[in-house]
Amino acid sequence: MFRVALIAIPLVALLIVPAFITGTQPRAFGLPPIMWWILLWVLLTPVCLLTVERMREE
């Protein structure tokens, strides 16, 4: 069950949450919030998938 949640978290973070992010402030590294949110999850998704893969091997 925990593995399913780890796979679902990036999916929800990239498909549902951006619909609720509005505005252009605050900026991080010159990017508006929607862009750094997507960039953050593009980097975190492999971490979640690697964790699921390691759990599967046990």
Protein backbone atom coordinates (compact mmCIF):
# COMPACT_ATOMS: atom_id res chain seq x y z
CA MET A 1 0.00 0.00 0.00
CA PHE A 2 2.87 2.36 0.80
CA ARG A 3 4.38 1.68 -2.64
CA VAL A 4 1.16 2.70 -4.36
CA ALA A 5 1.13 5.94 -2.39
CA LEU A 6 4.73 6.68 -3.37
CA ILE A 7 3.82 6.26 -7.02
CA ALA A 8 0.64 8.32 -6.69
CA ILE A 9 2.25 11.30 -4.94
CA PRO A 10 4.17 12.61 -7.99
CA LEU A 11 1.15 11.99 -10.20
CA VAL A 12 -1.10 14.06 -7.97
CA ALA A 13 1.58 16.69 -7.49
CA LEU A 14 2.00 17.19 -11.24
CA LEU A 15 -1.61 16.82 -12.40
CA ILE A 16 -3.82 18.28 -9.69
CA VAL A 17 -1.84 20.76 -7.60
CA PRO A 18 -0.78 23.06 -10.50
CA ALA A 19 -4.45 23.86 -11.12
CA PHE A 20 -4.50 25.58 -7.72
CA ILE A 21 -1.22 27.47 -8.08
CA THR A 22 -1.89 31.00 -9.25
CA GLY A 23 0.08 34.19 -9.48
CA THR A 24 3.64 34.98 -10.34
CA GLN A 25 5.01 35.72 -6.87
CA PRO A 26 7.10 34.61 -5.05
CA ARG A 27 9.74 33.78 -7.61
CA ALA A 28 12.47 31.24 -6.97
CA PHE A 29 15.57 31.41 -9.17
CA GLY A 30 13.64 33.75 -11.47
CA LEU A 31 10.90 31.19 -12.12
CA PRO A 32 7.20 31.64 -11.32
CA PRO A 33 5.71 29.21 -8.76
CA ILE A 34 4.19 26.84 -11.34
CA MET A 35 7.55 26.34 -13.05
CA TRP A 36 9.52 25.64 -9.88
CA TRP A 37 6.76 23.31 -8.66
CA ILE A 38 7.01 21.26 -11.86
CA LEU A 39 10.81 21.34 -11.77
CA LEU A 40 10.79 20.20 -8.15
CA TRP A 41 8.60 17.22 -8.96
CA VAL A 42 10.54 16.31 -12.08
CA LEU A 43 13.52 15.94 -9.76
CA LEU A 44 11.62 14.18 -6.93
CA THR A 45 9.77 11.65 -9.09
CA PRO A 46 12.85 9.46 -9.73
CA VAL A 47 13.52 9.45 -5.98
CA CYS A 48 10.01 8.13 -5.33
CA LEU A 49 10.33 5.51 -8.06
CA LEU A 50 13.76 4.41 -6.84
CA THR A 51 12.34 3.99 -3.35
CA VAL A 52 9.50 1.83 -4.69
CA GLU A 53 11.98 -0.28 -6.66
CA ARG A 54 14.14 -0.85 -3.61
CA MET A 55 11.09 -1.80 -1.55
CA ARG A 56 10.10 -4.31 -4.23
CA GLU A 57 13.49 -6.03 -4.11
CA GLU A 58 13.20 -6.67 -0.36
